[in-house]
Amino acid sequence: MSDSPPDRLCVNPRSPFYDGALLDRGIGVRFNGVERHNVEEYCVSEGWVRLPVGKSLDRKGNAMTMKASGKVEVWFLDAAPPA
């Protein structure tokens, strides 16, 4: 396995950016300097994350999300987080 997480990753199995093996390994996400544990999807190169909005669900049962832009840092949980 690689030492750095992918540029883009999603937790929804229906997404083309889903990778169960990487998610099992554990991914840490820091967005605008704050460590987040509720990120649905992220893209480091474009600088955005998708975060759930409350407990609302769409008609397919997925969490309603909003896209927020800013600085995104990711790391594997079994490695040290970036400084």
Protein backbone atom coordinates (compact mmCIF):
# COMPACT_ATOMS: atom_id res chain seq x y z
CA MET A 1 0.00 0.00 0.00
CA SER A 2 1.01 3.58 -0.55
CA ASP A 3 2.17 5.85 2.28
CA SER A 4 -0.10 8.71 1.21
CA PRO A 5 -3.90 8.66 0.88
CA PRO A 6 -5.53 9.25 -2.51
CA ASP A 7 -6.33 12.73 -3.79
CA ARG A 8 -10.06 12.01 -3.67
CA LEU A 9 -12.03 9.51 -1.58
CA CYS A 10 -15.70 8.91 -0.75
CA VAL A 11 -17.40 6.78 1.92
CA ASN A 12 -20.44 5.98 -0.29
CA PRO A 13 -20.02 2.53 -1.93
CA ARG A 14 -21.93 3.71 -5.01
CA SER A 15 -19.31 6.37 -5.76
CA PRO A 16 -16.51 5.72 -8.27
CA PHE A 17 -14.11 7.23 -5.67
CA TYR A 18 -14.96 4.61 -3.01
CA ASP A 19 -12.17 2.29 -1.82
CA GLY A 20 -13.12 -0.01 1.05
CA ALA A 21 -9.57 -1.21 1.73
CA LEU A 22 -8.34 2.36 2.29
CA LEU A 23 -11.32 3.18 4.50
CA ASP A 24 -10.64 0.06 6.60
CA ARG A 25 -7.09 1.31 7.10
CA GLY A 26 -8.48 4.61 8.41
CA ILE A 27 -8.18 8.14 7.01
CA GLY A 28 -7.73 11.28 9.08
CA VAL A 29 -9.00 14.57 7.64
CA ARG A 30 -8.12 18.09 8.76
CA PHE A 31 -10.23 20.82 7.12
CA ASN A 32 -9.16 24.47 7.62
CA GLY A 33 -7.03 23.45 10.62
CA VAL A 34 -9.80 21.47 12.39
CA GLU A 35 -9.76 17.67 12.51
CA ARG A 36 -13.09 16.39 11.16
CA HIS A 37 -14.66 12.98 11.76
CA ASN A 38 -17.83 13.40 9.69
CA VAL A 39 -16.44 13.94 6.17
CA GLU A 40 -18.43 12.08 3.48
CA GLU A 41 -16.03 12.86 0.62
CA TYR A 42 -12.92 14.96 0.08
CA CYS A 43 -10.67 16.21 -2.72
CA VAL A 44 -7.25 17.56 -1.75
CA SER A 45 -6.25 19.03 -5.14
CA GLU A 46 -9.51 20.98 -5.55
CA GLY A 47 -9.65 21.90 -1.84
CA TRP A 48 -13.15 20.79 -0.77
CA VAL A 49 -14.98 18.38 1.50
CA ARG A 50 -18.58 17.17 1.66
CA LEU A 51 -20.10 17.37 5.14
CA PRO A 52 -23.52 16.10 6.28
CA VAL A 53 -26.19 18.68 7.02
CA GLY A 54 -27.92 17.70 10.26
CA LYS A 55 -29.77 14.40 10.21
CA SER A 56 -31.59 15.05 6.93
CA LEU A 57 -31.72 12.26 4.37
CA ASP A 58 -32.37 12.41 0.65
CA ARG A 59 -34.96 10.19 -1.04
CA LYS A 60 -32.43 7.37 -1.42
CA GLY A 61 -31.59 7.35 2.29
CA ASN A 62 -28.20 9.06 1.97
CA ALA A 63 -27.20 11.95 4.22
CA MET A 64 -27.81 15.40 2.76
CA THR A 65 -24.43 17.04 2.28
CA MET A 66 -22.96 20.44 1.57
CA LYS A 67 -19.69 21.15 -0.19
CA ALA A 68 -17.27 23.38 1.72
CA SER A 69 -14.06 24.81 0.24
CA GLY A 70 -10.80 25.33 2.10
CA LYS A 71 -7.48 23.71 2.95
CA VAL A 72 -7.73 19.90 3.14
CA GLU A 73 -5.05 17.67 4.74
CA VAL A 74 -5.37 13.87 4.86
CA TRP A 75 -3.32 11.05 6.39
CA PHE A 76 -3.63 7.41 7.31
CA LEU A 77 -4.60 6.88 10.94
CA ASP A 78 -1.91 4.23 11.39
CA ALA A 79 0.72 6.89 10.52
CA ALA A 80 1.55 10.16 12.25
CA PRO A 81 -0.68 13.15 11.29
CA PRO A 82 0.95 16.00 9.34
CA ALA A 83 2.25 18.88 11.43
